[in-house]
Amino acid sequence: METDFKKKIQRWIRIYNERIGVLISIALFFFIQPILRAFDPTAGFFDAGILQVIILVIIFLNVGSSLCWYLLKWNFRPFFDSLNDIIDKDNGTLYGANQKKVVLALIIYAFYMISFILIIHAIL
């Protein structure tokens, strides 16, 4: 029973790895307040205190990273699949026939991430 659940969780993480950042961000957003109040009893749910700014940056970057993976997956599926195969099967090495696809996928991901950061910077 336990091994079946563990295998299901591992398979879900392998298939939907871009959703982990969003789940971590949601959990951080809702459950960080008691921890922050332990350090600063005057902290509100949202204020401009230094601790909340750091947490919000972490949340924004996690969500942004997940959105970039989603965009890469939806718009450039062959590159995403090549990158996913290299990471899953070759232990993260870039050697092999799909090296150009992996590098291009990482460049597209970096472009999306920089665009997301610039948009957030312009909004805030």
PDB file of N, CA and C in Angstrom:
ATOM      1  N   MET A   1       0.821  -1.187   0.000  1.00  0.00           N
ATOM      2  CA  MET A   1       0.000   0.000   0.000  1.00  0.00           C
ATOM      3  C   MET A   1       0.867   1.254   0.000  1.00  0.00           C
ATOM      4  N   GLU A   2       1.859   1.290   0.885  1.00  0.00           N
ATOM      5  CA  GLU A   2       2.709   2.456   0.986  1.00  0.00           C
ATOM      6  C   GLU A   2       3.565   2.627  -0.268  1.00  0.00           C
ATOM      7  N   THR A   3       4.053   1.529  -0.817  1.00  0.00           N
ATOM      8  CA  THR A   3       4.887   1.638  -2.005  1.00  0.00           C
ATOM      9  C   THR A   3       4.073   2.063  -3.217  1.00  0.00           C
ATOM     10  N   ASP A   4       2.811   1.634  -3.298  1.00  0.00           N
ATOM     11  CA  ASP A   4       1.964   2.075  -4.400  1.00  0.00           C
ATOM     12  C   ASP A   4       1.733   3.581  -4.338  1.00  0.00           C
ATOM     13  N   PHE A   5       1.477   4.085  -3.142  1.00  0.00           N
ATOM     14  CA  PHE A   5       1.277   5.520  -2.973  1.00  0.00           C
ATOM     15  C   PHE A   5       2.554   6.278  -3.308  1.00  0.00           C
ATOM     16  N   LYS A   6       3.682   5.751  -2.851  1.00  0.00           N
ATOM     17  CA  LYS A   6       4.966   6.388  -3.139  1.00  0.00           C
ATOM     18  C   LYS A   6       5.249   6.400  -4.638  1.00  0.00           C
ATOM     19  N   LYS A   7       4.948   5.311  -5.321  1.00  0.00           N
ATOM     20  CA  LYS A   7       5.148   5.259  -6.776  1.00  0.00           C
ATOM     21  C   LYS A   7       4.228   6.228  -7.501  1.00  0.00           C
ATOM     22  N   LYS A   8       2.987   6.336  -7.022  1.00  0.00           N
ATOM     23  CA  LYS A   8       2.057   7.285  -7.648  1.00  0.00           C
ATOM     24  C   LYS A   8       2.540   8.720  -7.476  1.00  0.00           C
ATOM     25  N   ILE A   9       3.028   9.052  -6.291  1.00  0.00           N
ATOM     26  CA  ILE A   9       3.552  10.396  -6.041  1.00  0.00           C
ATOM     27  C   ILE A   9       4.774  10.665  -6.911  1.00  0.00           C
ATOM     28  N   GLN A  10       5.678   9.715  -7.001  1.00  0.00           N
ATOM     29  CA  GLN A  10       6.867   9.890  -7.831  1.00  0.00           C
ATOM     30  C   GLN A  10       6.503  10.042  -9.306  1.00  0.00           C
ATOM     31  N   ARG A  11       5.531   9.266  -9.762  1.00  0.00           N
ATOM     32  CA  ARG A  11       5.101   9.376 -11.158  1.00  0.00           C
ATOM     33  C   ARG A  11       4.449  10.735 -11.409  1.00  0.00           C
ATOM     34  N   TRP A  12       3.628  11.207 -10.454  1.00  0.00           N
ATOM     35  CA  TRP A  12       2.978  12.506 -10.608  1.00  0.00           C
ATOM     36  C   TRP A  12       4.012  13.623 -10.645  1.00  0.00           C
ATOM     37  N   ILE A  13       5.025  13.541  -9.788  1.00  0.00           N
ATOM     38  CA  ILE A  13       6.082  14.560  -9.780  1.00  0.00           C
ATOM     39  C   ILE A  13       6.865  14.529 -11.086  1.00  0.00           C
ATOM     40  N   ARG A  14       7.128  13.347 -11.611  1.00  0.00           N
ATOM     41  CA  ARG A  14       7.867  13.232 -12.868  1.00  0.00           C
ATOM     42  C   ARG A  14       7.074  13.793 -14.044  1.00  0.00           C
ATOM     43  N   ILE A  15       5.771  13.561 -14.067  1.00  0.00           N
ATOM     44  CA  ILE A  15       4.949  14.005 -15.192  1.00  0.00           C
ATOM     45  C   ILE A  15       4.603  15.481 -15.075  1.00  0.00           C
ATOM     46  N   TYR A  16       4.219  15.918 -13.885  1.00  0.00           N
ATOM     47  CA  TYR A  16       3.736  17.288 -13.690  1.00  0.00           C
ATOM     48  C   TYR A  16       4.702  18.093 -12.833  1.00  0.00           C
ATOM     49  N   ASN A  17       5.979  18.067 -13.163  1.00  0.00           N
ATOM     50  CA  ASN A  17       6.963  18.743 -12.332  1.00  0.00           C
ATOM     51  C   ASN A  17       6.824  20.262 -12.348  1.00  0.00           C
ATOM     52  N   GLU A  18       6.179  20.822 -13.351  1.00  0.00           N
ATOM     53  CA  GLU A  18       6.022  22.273 -13.395  1.00  0.00           C
ATOM     54  C   GLU A  18       4.944  22.772 -12.432  1.00  0.00           C
ATOM     55  N   ARG A  19       4.131  21.891 -11.889  1.00  0.00           N
ATOM     56  CA  ARG A  19       3.085  22.297 -10.949  1.00  0.00           C
ATOM     57  C   ARG A  19       3.574  22.379  -9.509  1.00  0.00           C
ATOM     58  N   ILE A  20       4.746  21.866  -9.236  1.00  0.00           N
ATOM     59  CA  ILE A  20       5.252  21.842  -7.869  1.00  0.00           C
ATOM     60  C   ILE A  20       5.501  23.252  -7.352  1.00  0.00           C
ATOM     61  N   GLY A  21       6.014  24.129  -8.198  1.00  0.00           N
ATOM     62  CA  GLY A  21       6.259  25.512  -7.777  1.00  0.00           C
ATOM     63  C   GLY A  21       4.994  26.233  -7.376  1.00  0.00           C
ATOM     64  N   VAL A  22       3.914  25.989  -8.099  1.00  0.00           N
ATOM     65  CA  VAL A  22       2.641  26.620  -7.763  1.00  0.00           C
ATOM     66  C   VAL A  22       2.118  26.076  -6.434  1.00  0.00           C
ATOM     67  N   LEU A  23       2.222  24.774  -6.225  1.00  0.00           N
ATOM     68  CA  LEU A  23       1.763  24.189  -4.964  1.00  0.00           C
ATOM     69  C   LEU A  23       2.574  24.706  -3.781  1.00  0.00           C
ATOM     70  N   ILE A  24       3.880  24.815  -3.941  1.00  0.00           N
ATOM     71  CA  ILE A  24       4.729  25.351  -2.879  1.00  0.00           C
ATOM     72  C   ILE A  24       4.367  26.809  -2.605  1.00  0.00           C
ATOM     73  N   SER A  25       4.112  27.572  -3.656  1.00  0.00           N
ATOM     74  CA  SER A  25       3.761  28.983  -3.484  1.00  0.00           C
ATOM     75  C   SER A  25       2.438  29.156  -2.763  1.00  0.00           C
ATOM     76  N   ILE A  26       1.446  28.348  -3.103  1.00  0.00           N
ATOM     77  CA  ILE A  26       0.152  28.432  -2.432  1.00  0.00           C
ATOM     78  C   ILE A  26       0.296  28.070  -0.955  1.00  0.00           C
ATOM     79  N   ALA A  27       1.033  27.005  -0.671  1.00  0.00           N
ATOM     80  CA  ALA A  27       1.244  26.604   0.720  1.00  0.00           C
ATOM     81  C   ALA A  27       2.008  27.681   1.485  1.00  0.00           C
ATOM     82  N   LEU A  28       3.023  28.252   0.870  1.00  0.00           N
ATOM     83  CA  LEU A  28       3.799  29.307   1.511  1.00  0.00           C
ATOM     84  C   LEU A  28       2.944  30.534   1.773  1.00  0.00           C
ATOM     85  N   PHE A  29       2.099  30.879   0.820  1.00  0.00           N
ATOM     86  CA  PHE A  29       1.249  32.058   0.937  1.00  0.00           C
ATOM     87  C   PHE A  29       0.275  31.928   2.109  1.00  0.00           C
ATOM     88  N   PHE A  30      -0.304  30.759   2.283  1.00  0.00           N
ATOM     89  CA  PHE A  30      -1.333  30.602   3.309  1.00  0.00           C
ATOM     90  C   PHE A  30      -0.799  30.180   4.677  1.00  0.00           C
ATOM     91  N   PHE A  31       0.355  29.516   4.735  1.00  0.00           N
ATOM     92  CA  PHE A  31       0.815  28.962   6.001  1.00  0.00           C
ATOM     93  C   PHE A  31       2.048  29.637   6.583  1.00  0.00           C
ATOM     94  N   ILE A  32       2.556  30.701   5.979  1.00  0.00           N
ATOM     95  CA  ILE A  32       3.759  31.341   6.485  1.00  0.00           C
ATOM     96  C   ILE A  32       3.462  32.326   7.611  1.00  0.00           C
ATOM     97  N   GLN A  33       2.234  32.792   7.721  1.00  0.00           N
ATOM     98  CA  GLN A  33       1.908  33.837   8.684  1.00  0.00           C
ATOM     99  C   GLN A  33       2.219  33.461  10.134  1.00  0.00           C
ATOM    100  N   PRO A  34       1.864  32.269  10.628  1.00  0.00           N
ATOM    101  CA  PRO A  34       2.234  31.937  12.019  1.00  0.00           C
ATOM    102  C   PRO A  34       3.745  31.928  12.254  1.00  0.00           C
ATOM    103  N   ILE A  35       4.503  31.526  11.253  1.00  0.00           N
ATOM    104  CA  ILE A  35       5.960  31.513  11.388  1.00  0.00           C
ATOM    105  C   ILE A  35       6.495  32.938  11.445  1.00  0.00           C
ATOM    106  N   LEU A  36       5.951  33.821  10.593  1.00  0.00           N
ATOM    107  CA  LEU A  36       6.385  35.219  10.613  1.00  0.00           C
ATOM    108  C   LEU A  36       6.010  35.897  11.924  1.00  0.00           C
ATOM    109  N   ARG A  37       4.854  35.562  12.465  1.00  0.00           N
ATOM    110  CA  ARG A  37       4.434  36.168  13.737  1.00  0.00           C
ATOM    111  C   ARG A  37       5.303  35.704  14.898  1.00  0.00           C
ATOM    112  N   ALA A  38       5.935  34.567  14.773  1.00  0.00           N
ATOM    113  CA  ALA A  38       6.861  34.124  15.808  1.00  0.00           C
ATOM    114  C   ALA A  38       8.087  35.038  15.865  1.00  0.00           C
ATOM    115  N   PHE A  39       8.520  35.544  14.706  1.00  0.00           N
ATOM    116  CA  PHE A  39       9.662  36.448  14.650  1.00  0.00           C
ATOM    117  C   PHE A  39       9.262  37.903  14.897  1.00  0.00           C
ATOM    118  N   ASP A  40       8.084  38.275  14.395  1.00  0.00           N
ATOM    119  CA  ASP A  40       7.625  39.664  14.506  1.00  0.00           C
ATOM    120  C   ASP A  40       6.153  39.663  14.900  1.00  0.00           C
ATOM    121  N   PRO A  41       5.835  39.837  16.181  1.00  0.00           N
ATOM    122  CA  PRO A  41       4.442  39.759  16.627  1.00  0.00           C
ATOM    123  C   PRO A  41       3.540  40.853  16.053  1.00  0.00           C
ATOM    124  N   THR A  42       4.130  41.922  15.542  1.00  0.00           N
ATOM    125  CA  THR A  42       3.311  43.010  14.986  1.00  0.00           C
ATOM    126  C   THR A  42       3.033  42.831  13.496  1.00  0.00           C
ATOM    127  N   ALA A  43       3.518  41.759  12.915  1.00  0.00           N
ATOM    128  CA  ALA A  43       3.361  41.553  11.472  1.00  0.00           C
ATOM    129  C   ALA A  43       1.898  41.269  11.135  1.00  0.00           C
ATOM    130  N   GLY A  44       1.407  41.965  10.116  1.00  0.00           N
ATOM    131  CA  GLY A  44       0.067  41.701   9.611  1.00  0.00           C
ATOM    132  C   GLY A  44       0.138  40.650   8.520  1.00  0.00           C
ATOM    133  N   PHE A  45      -1.028  40.326   7.963  1.00  0.00           N
ATOM    134  CA  PHE A  45      -1.024  39.322   6.897  1.00  0.00           C
ATOM    135  C   PHE A  45      -0.253  39.825   5.700  1.00  0.00           C
ATOM    136  N   PHE A  46      -0.515  41.071   5.309  1.00  0.00           N
ATOM    137  CA  PHE A  46       0.275  41.715   4.260  1.00  0.00           C
ATOM    138  C   PHE A  46       0.686  43.087   4.756  1.00  0.00           C
ATOM    139  N   ASP A  47       1.948  43.298   4.849  1.00  0.00           N
ATOM    140  CA  ASP A  47       2.460  44.635   5.095  1.00  0.00           C
ATOM    141  C   ASP A  47       3.799  44.751   4.380  1.00  0.00           C
ATOM    142  N   ALA A  48       4.369  45.916   4.436  1.00  0.00           N
ATOM    143  CA  ALA A  48       5.606  46.154   3.695  1.00  0.00           C
ATOM    144  C   ALA A  48       6.834  45.821   4.521  1.00  0.00           C
ATOM    145  N   GLY A  49       6.664  44.959   5.487  1.00  0.00           N
ATOM    146  CA  GLY A  49       7.801  44.553   6.303  1.00  0.00           C
ATOM    147  C   GLY A  49       8.789  43.741   5.486  1.00  0.00           C
ATOM    148  N   ILE A  50      10.009  43.704   5.968  1.00  0.00           N
ATOM    149  CA  ILE A  50      11.071  43.045   5.226  1.00  0.00           C
ATOM    150  C   ILE A  50      10.817  41.552   5.070  1.00  0.00           C
ATOM    151  N   LEU A  51      10.184  40.919   6.054  1.00  0.00           N
ATOM    152  CA  LEU A  51       9.959  39.482   5.960  1.00  0.00           C
ATOM    153  C   LEU A  51       8.933  39.140   4.888  1.00  0.00           C
ATOM    154  N   GLN A  52       7.864  39.932   4.780  1.00  0.00           N
ATOM    155  CA  GLN A  52       6.855  39.647   3.768  1.00  0.00           C
ATOM    156  C   GLN A  52       7.365  39.891   2.350  1.00  0.00           C
ATOM    157  N   VAL A  53       8.241  40.858   2.196  1.00  0.00           N
ATOM    158  CA  VAL A  53       8.782  41.133   0.859  1.00  0.00           C
ATOM    159  C   VAL A  53       9.587  39.940   0.355  1.00  0.00           C
ATOM    160  N   ILE A  54      10.381  39.352   1.214  1.00  0.00           N
ATOM    161  CA  ILE A  54      11.176  38.187   0.824  1.00  0.00           C
ATOM    162  C   ILE A  54      10.263  37.016   0.456  1.00  0.00           C
ATOM    163  N   ILE A  55       9.233  36.792   1.264  1.00  0.00           N
ATOM    164  CA  ILE A  55       8.297  35.702   0.983  1.00  0.00           C
ATOM    165  C   ILE A  55       7.556  35.950  -0.324  1.00  0.00           C
ATOM    166  N   LEU A  56       7.125  37.187  -0.569  1.00  0.00           N
ATOM    167  CA  LEU A  56       6.423  37.487  -1.819  1.00  0.00           C
ATOM    168  C   LEU A  56       7.323  37.312  -3.034  1.00  0.00           C
ATOM    169  N   VAL A  57       8.583  37.651  -2.916  1.00  0.00           N
ATOM    170  CA  VAL A  57       9.521  37.438  -4.027  1.00  0.00           C
ATOM    171  C   VAL A  57       9.673  35.950  -4.312  1.00  0.00           C
ATOM    172  N   ILE A  58       9.787  35.151  -3.264  1.00  0.00           N
ATOM    173  CA  ILE A  58       9.887  33.698  -3.457  1.00  0.00           C
ATOM    174  C   ILE A  58       8.630  33.159  -4.127  1.00  0.00           C
ATOM    175  N   ILE A  59       7.469  33.634  -3.697  1.00  0.00           N
ATOM    176  CA  ILE A  59       6.206  33.195  -4.296  1.00  0.00           C
ATOM    177  C   ILE A  59       6.141  33.599  -5.761  1.00  0.00           C
ATOM    178  N   PHE A  60       6.484  34.855  -6.062  1.00  0.00           N
ATOM    179  CA  PHE A  60       6.447  35.315  -7.457  1.00  0.00           C
ATOM    180  C   PHE A  60       7.398  34.517  -8.340  1.00  0.00           C
ATOM    181  N   LEU A  61       8.603  34.241  -7.844  1.00  0.00           N
ATOM    182  CA  LEU A  61       9.564  33.491  -8.661  1.00  0.00           C
ATOM    183  C   LEU A  61       9.125  32.050  -8.871  1.00  0.00           C
ATOM    184  N   ASN A  62       8.534  31.422  -7.844  1.00  0.00           N
ATOM    185  CA  ASN A  62       8.018  30.058  -8.020  1.00  0.00           C
ATOM    186  C   ASN A  62       6.890  30.023  -9.042  1.00  0.00           C
ATOM    187  N   VAL A  63       5.964  30.947  -8.921  1.00  0.00           N
ATOM    188  CA  VAL A  63       4.855  30.993  -9.874  1.00  0.00           C
ATOM    189  C   VAL A  63       5.373  31.331 -11.275  1.00  0.00           C
ATOM    190  N   GLY A  64       6.306  32.273 -11.353  1.00  0.00           N
ATOM    191  CA  GLY A  64       6.878  32.627 -12.653  1.00  0.00           C
ATOM    192  C   GLY A  64       7.610  31.479 -13.307  1.00  0.00           C
ATOM    193  N   SER A  65       8.362  30.737 -12.526  1.00  0.00           N
ATOM    194  CA  SER A  65       9.063  29.581 -13.060  1.00  0.00           C
ATOM    195  C   SER A  65       8.081  28.530 -13.572  1.00  0.00           C
ATOM    196  N   SER A  66       7.024  28.292 -12.818  1.00  0.00           N
ATOM    197  CA  SER A  66       6.013  27.330 -13.265  1.00  0.00           C
ATOM    198  C   SER A  66       5.316  27.810 -14.533  1.00  0.00           C
ATOM    199  N   LEU A  67       5.003  29.100 -14.596  1.00  0.00           N
ATOM    200  CA  LEU A  67       4.375  29.632 -15.808  1.00  0.00           C
ATOM    201  C   LEU A  67       5.298  29.506 -17.016  1.00  0.00           C
ATOM    202  N   CYS A  68       6.585  29.722 -16.806  1.00  0.00           N
ATOM    203  CA  CYS A  68       7.528  29.572 -17.922  1.00  0.00           C
ATOM    204  C   CYS A  68       7.592  28.132 -18.408  1.00  0.00           C
ATOM    205  N   TRP A  69       7.561  27.168 -17.475  1.00  0.00           N
ATOM    206  CA  TRP A  69       7.541  25.763 -17.892  1.00  0.00           C
ATOM    207  C   TRP A  69       6.258  25.435 -18.639  1.00  0.00           C
ATOM    208  N   TYR A  70       5.123  25.977 -18.156  1.00  0.00           N
ATOM    209  CA  TYR A  70       3.862  25.755 -18.871  1.00  0.00           C
ATOM    210  C   TYR A  70       3.921  26.325 -20.285  1.00  0.00           C
ATOM    211  N   LEU A  71       4.425  27.553 -20.416  1.00  0.00           N
ATOM    212  CA  LEU A  71       4.524  28.161 -21.750  1.00  0.00           C
ATOM    213  C   LEU A  71       5.436  27.354 -22.660  1.00  0.00           C
ATOM    214  N   LEU A  72       6.546  26.903 -22.120  1.00  0.00           N
ATOM    215  CA  LEU A  72       7.458  26.077 -22.914  1.00  0.00           C
ATOM    216  C   LEU A  72       6.788  24.774 -23.324  1.00  0.00           C
ATOM    217  N   LYS A  73       6.027  24.193 -22.406  1.00  0.00           N
ATOM    218  CA  LYS A  73       5.350  22.926 -22.690  1.00  0.00           C
ATOM    219  C   LYS A  73       4.256  23.105 -23.741  1.00  0.00           C
ATOM    220  N   TRP A  74       3.498  24.198 -23.642  1.00  0.00           N
ATOM    221  CA  TRP A  74       2.389  24.415 -24.582  1.00  0.00           C
ATOM    222  C   TRP A  74       2.851  24.905 -25.954  1.00  0.00           C
ATOM    223  N   ASN A  75       3.833  25.799 -25.985  1.00  0.00           N
ATOM    224  CA  ASN A  75       4.222  26.422 -27.252  1.00  0.00           C
ATOM    225  C   ASN A  75       5.298  25.661 -28.006  1.00  0.00           C
ATOM    226  N   PHE A  76       6.187  25.012 -27.302  1.00  0.00           N
ATOM    227  CA  PHE A  76       7.317  24.333 -27.931  1.00  0.00           C
ATOM    228  C   PHE A  76       7.424  22.908 -27.392  1.00  0.00           C
ATOM    229  N   ARG A  77       6.429  22.112 -27.678  1.00  0.00           N
ATOM    230  CA  ARG A  77       6.341  20.763 -27.094  1.00  0.00           C
ATOM    231  C   ARG A  77       7.535  19.864 -27.440  1.00  0.00           C
ATOM    232  N   PRO A  78       8.046  19.852 -28.683  1.00  0.00           N
ATOM    233  CA  PRO A  78       9.198  18.975 -28.961  1.00  0.00           C
ATOM    234  C   PRO A  78      10.443  19.339 -28.148  1.00  0.00           C
ATOM    235  N   PHE A  79      10.679  20.638 -27.961  1.00  0.00           N
ATOM    236  CA  PHE A  79      11.831  21.062 -27.177  1.00  0.00           C
ATOM    237  C   PHE A  79      11.647  20.691 -25.707  1.00  0.00           C
ATOM    238  N   PHE A  80      10.427  20.874 -25.216  1.00  0.00           N
ATOM    239  CA  PHE A  80      10.134  20.511 -23.826  1.00  0.00           C
ATOM    240  C   PHE A  80      10.321  19.012 -23.600  1.00  0.00           C
ATOM    241  N   ASP A  81       9.827  18.211 -24.532  1.00  0.00           N
ATOM    242  CA  ASP A  81       9.975  16.757 -24.399  1.00  0.00           C
ATOM    243  C   ASP A  81      11.441  16.334 -24.435  1.00  0.00           C
ATOM    244  N   SER A  82      12.223  16.972 -25.305  1.00  0.00           N
ATOM    245  CA  SER A  82      13.656  16.654 -25.360  1.00  0.00           C
ATOM    246  C   SER A  82      14.335  17.001 -24.046  1.00  0.00           C
ATOM    247  N   LEU A  83      14.005  18.162 -23.503  1.00  0.00           N
ATOM    248  CA  LEU A  83      14.584  18.577 -22.233  1.00  0.00           C
ATOM    249  C   LEU A  83      14.162  17.636 -21.111  1.00  0.00           C
ATOM    250  N   ASN A  84      12.912  17.268 -21.089  1.00  0.00           N
ATOM    251  CA  ASN A  84      12.401  16.360 -20.066  1.00  0.00           C
ATOM    252  C   ASN A  84      13.055  14.984 -20.176  1.00  0.00           C
ATOM    253  N   ASP A  85      13.232  14.478 -21.398  1.00  0.00           N
ATOM    254  CA  ASP A  85      13.877  13.181 -21.591  1.00  0.00           C
ATOM    255  C   ASP A  85      15.332  13.201 -21.127  1.00  0.00           C
ATOM    256  N   ILE A  86      16.031  14.277 -21.449  1.00  0.00           N
ATOM    257  CA  ILE A  86      17.433  14.381 -21.041  1.00  0.00           C
ATOM    258  C   ILE A  86      17.525  14.408 -19.520  1.00  0.00           C
ATOM    259  N   ILE A  87      16.668  15.178 -18.873  1.00  0.00           N
ATOM    260  CA  ILE A  87      16.725  15.281 -17.416  1.00  0.00           C
ATOM    261  C   ILE A  87      16.334  13.960 -16.763  1.00  0.00           C
ATOM    262  N   ASP A  88      15.316  13.289 -17.298  1.00  0.00           N
ATOM    263  CA  ASP A  88      14.845  12.051 -16.680  1.00  0.00           C
ATOM    264  C   ASP A  88      15.781  10.866 -16.916  1.00  0.00           C
ATOM    265  N   LYS A  89      16.261  10.711 -18.142  1.00  0.00           N
ATOM    266  CA  LYS A  89      16.969   9.485 -18.501  1.00  0.00           C
ATOM    267  C   LYS A  89      18.478   9.590 -18.433  1.00  0.00           C
ATOM    268  N   ASP A  90      19.027  10.767 -18.710  1.00  0.00           N
ATOM    269  CA  ASP A  90      20.479  10.885 -18.793  1.00  0.00           C
ATOM    270  C   ASP A  90      21.090  11.576 -17.578  1.00  0.00           C
ATOM    271  N   ASN A  91      20.351  11.626 -16.489  1.00  0.00           N
ATOM    272  CA  ASN A  91      20.828  12.230 -15.241  1.00  0.00           C
ATOM    273  C   ASN A  91      21.291  13.668 -15.429  1.00  0.00           C
ATOM    274  N   GLY A  92      20.632  14.390 -16.305  1.00  0.00           N
ATOM    275  CA  GLY A  92      20.918  15.806 -16.466  1.00  0.00           C
ATOM    276  C   GLY A  92      22.085  16.149 -17.356  1.00  0.00           C
ATOM    277  N   THR A  93      22.713  15.175 -18.009  1.00  0.00           N
ATOM    278  CA  THR A  93      23.828  15.492 -18.892  1.00  0.00           C
ATOM    279  C   THR A  93      23.301  15.977 -20.233  1.00  0.00           C
ATOM    280  N   LEU A  94      24.040  16.875 -20.844  1.00  0.00           N
ATOM    281  CA  LEU A  94      23.615  17.440 -22.122  1.00  0.00           C
ATOM    282  C   LEU A  94      24.277  16.751 -23.305  1.00  0.00           C
ATOM    283  N   TYR A  95      24.836  15.589 -23.097  1.00  0.00           N
ATOM    284  CA  TYR A  95      25.479  14.866 -24.190  1.00  0.00           C
ATOM    285  C   TYR A  95      24.450  14.013 -24.910  1.00  0.00           C
ATOM    286  N   GLY A  96      24.542  13.980 -26.217  1.00  0.00           N
ATOM    287  CA  GLY A  96      23.625  13.156 -26.977  1.00  0.00           C
ATOM    288  C   GLY A  96      23.129  13.883 -28.210  1.00  0.00           C
ATOM    289  N   ALA A  97      22.194  13.259 -28.882  1.00  0.00           N
ATOM    290  CA  ALA A  97      21.694  13.785 -30.154  1.00  0.00           C
ATOM    291  C   ALA A  97      20.791  14.999 -29.968  1.00  0.00           C
ATOM    292  N   ASN A  98      20.186  15.164 -28.805  1.00  0.00           N
ATOM    293  CA  ASN A  98      19.221  16.240 -28.601  1.00  0.00           C
ATOM    294  C   ASN A  98      19.824  17.460 -27.912  1.00  0.00           C
ATOM    295  N   GLN A  99      21.120  17.616 -27.956  1.00  0.00           N
ATOM    296  CA  GLN A  99      21.774  18.704 -27.239  1.00  0.00           C
ATOM    297  C   GLN A  99      21.310  20.071 -27.738  1.00  0.00           C
ATOM    298  N   LYS A 100      21.139  20.231 -29.037  1.00  0.00           N
ATOM    299  CA  LYS A 100      20.697  21.525 -29.566  1.00  0.00           C
ATOM    300  C   LYS A 100      19.272  21.845 -29.137  1.00  0.00           C
ATOM    301  N   LYS A 101      18.409  20.835 -29.099  1.00  0.00           N
ATOM    302  CA  LYS A 101      17.033  21.059 -28.651  1.00  0.00           C
ATOM    303  C   LYS A 101      16.996  21.457 -27.180  1.00  0.00           C
ATOM    304  N   VAL A 102      17.832  20.843 -26.378  1.00  0.00           N
ATOM    305  CA  VAL A 102      17.866  21.154 -24.952  1.00  0.00           C
ATOM    306  C   VAL A 102      18.366  22.575 -24.729  1.00  0.00           C
ATOM    307  N   VAL A 103      19.413  22.958 -25.420  1.00  0.00           N
ATOM    308  CA  VAL A 103      19.942  24.314 -25.281  1.00  0.00           C
ATOM    309  C   VAL A 103      18.908  25.328 -25.745  1.00  0.00           C
ATOM    310  N   LEU A 104      18.228  25.058 -26.842  1.00  0.00           N
ATOM    311  CA  LEU A 104      17.190  25.966 -27.319  1.00  0.00           C
ATOM    312  C   LEU A 104      16.030  26.051 -26.322  1.00  0.00           C
ATOM    313  N   ALA A 105      15.658  24.931 -25.724  1.00  0.00           N
ATOM    314  CA  ALA A 105      14.592  24.938 -24.716  1.00  0.00           C
ATOM    315  C   ALA A 105      14.994  25.775 -23.513  1.00  0.00           C
ATOM    316  N   LEU A 106      16.230  25.666 -23.085  1.00  0.00           N
ATOM    317  CA  LEU A 106      16.688  26.462 -21.948  1.00  0.00           C
ATOM    318  C   LEU A 106      16.764  27.946 -22.287  1.00  0.00           C
ATOM    319  N   ILE A 107      17.113  28.276 -23.522  1.00  0.00           N
ATOM    320  CA  ILE A 107      17.127  29.681 -23.950  1.00  0.00           C
ATOM    321  C   ILE A 107      15.706  30.235 -23.963  1.00  0.00           C
ATOM    322  N   ILE A 108      14.764  29.472 -24.471  1.00  0.00           N
ATOM    323  CA  ILE A 108      13.362  29.911 -24.482  1.00  0.00           C
ATOM    324  C   ILE A 108      12.851  30.076 -23.059  1.00  0.00           C
ATOM    325  N   TYR A 109      13.191  29.130 -22.179  1.00  0.00           N
ATOM    326  CA  TYR A 109      12.794  29.235 -20.773  1.00  0.00           C
ATOM    327  C   TYR A 109      13.375  30.505 -20.148  1.00  0.00           C
ATOM    328  N   ALA A 110      14.647  30.777 -20.396  1.00  0.00           N
ATOM    329  CA  ALA A 110      15.283  31.976 -19.844  1.00  0.00           C
ATOM    330  C   ALA A 110      14.611  33.245 -20.375  1.00  0.00           C
ATOM    331  N   PHE A 111      14.250  33.260 -21.647  1.00  0.00           N
ATOM    332  CA  PHE A 111      13.542  34.408 -22.221  1.00  0.00           C
ATOM    333  C   PHE A 111      12.198  34.621 -21.530  1.00  0.00           C
ATOM    334  N   TYR A 112      11.451  33.526 -21.333  1.00  0.00           N
ATOM    335  CA  TYR A 112      10.170  33.632 -20.635  1.00  0.00           C
ATOM    336  C   TYR A 112      10.360  34.138 -19.210  1.00  0.00           C
ATOM    337  N   MET A 113      11.358  33.626 -18.511  1.00  0.00           N
ATOM    338  CA  MET A 113      11.580  34.017 -17.121  1.00  0.00           C
ATOM    339  C   MET A 113      11.982  35.481 -17.016  1.00  0.00           C
ATOM    340  N   ILE A 114      12.857  35.933 -17.889  1.00  0.00           N
ATOM    341  CA  ILE A 114      13.252  37.347 -17.886  1.00  0.00           C
ATOM    342  C   ILE A 114      12.057  38.225 -18.221  1.00  0.00           C
ATOM    343  N   SER A 115      11.238  37.807 -19.176  1.00  0.00           N
ATOM    344  CA  SER A 115      10.034  38.569 -19.513  1.00  0.00           C
ATOM    345  C   SER A 115       9.087  38.651 -18.325  1.00  0.00           C
ATOM    346  N   PHE A 116       8.917  37.541 -17.610  1.00  0.00           N
ATOM    347  CA  PHE A 116       8.042  37.534 -16.433  1.00  0.00           C
ATOM    348  C   PHE A 116       8.571  38.482 -15.360  1.00  0.00           C
ATOM    349  N   ILE A 117       9.864  38.457 -15.113  1.00  0.00           N
ATOM    350  CA  ILE A 117      10.446  39.332 -14.105  1.00  0.00           C
ATOM    351  C   ILE A 117      10.286  40.787 -14.503  1.00  0.00           C
ATOM    352  N   LEU A 118      10.489  41.121 -15.760  1.00  0.00           N
ATOM    353  CA  LEU A 118      10.313  42.498 -16.210  1.00  0.00           C
ATOM    354  C   LEU A 118       8.857  42.955 -16.109  1.00  0.00           C
ATOM    355  N   ILE A 119       7.922  42.068 -16.398  1.00  0.00           N
ATOM    356  CA  ILE A 119       6.501  42.422 -16.277  1.00  0.00           C
ATOM    357  C   ILE A 119       6.144  42.654 -14.813  1.00  0.00           C
ATOM    358  N   ILE A 120       6.594  41.790 -13.921  1.00  0.00           N
ATOM    359  CA  ILE A 120       6.334  41.982 -12.493  1.00  0.00           C
ATOM    360  C   ILE A 120       6.977  43.261 -11.994  1.00  0.00           C
ATOM    361  N   HIS A 121       8.181  43.543 -12.450  1.00  0.00           N
ATOM    362  CA  HIS A 121       8.858  44.780 -12.064  1.00  0.00           C
ATOM    363  C   HIS A 121       8.086  46.010 -12.553  1.00  0.00           C
ATOM    364  N   ALA A 122       7.554  45.943 -13.758  1.00  0.00           N
ATOM    365  CA  ALA A 122       6.779  47.070 -14.287  1.00  0.00           C
ATOM    366  C   ALA A 122       5.459  47.254 -13.525  1.00  0.00           C
ATOM    367  N   ILE A 123       4.842  46.161 -13.112  1.00  0.00           N
ATOM    368  CA  ILE A 123       3.578  46.249 -12.379  1.00  0.00           C
ATOM    369  C   ILE A 123       3.802  46.799 -10.968  1.00  0.00           C
ATOM    370  N   LEU A 124       4.837  46.324 -10.305  1.00  0.00           N
ATOM    371  CA  LEU A 124       5.078  46.761  -8.930  1.00  0.00           C
ATOM    372  C   LEU A 124       5.899  48.018  -8.915  1.00  0.00           C
TER     373      LEU A 124
END
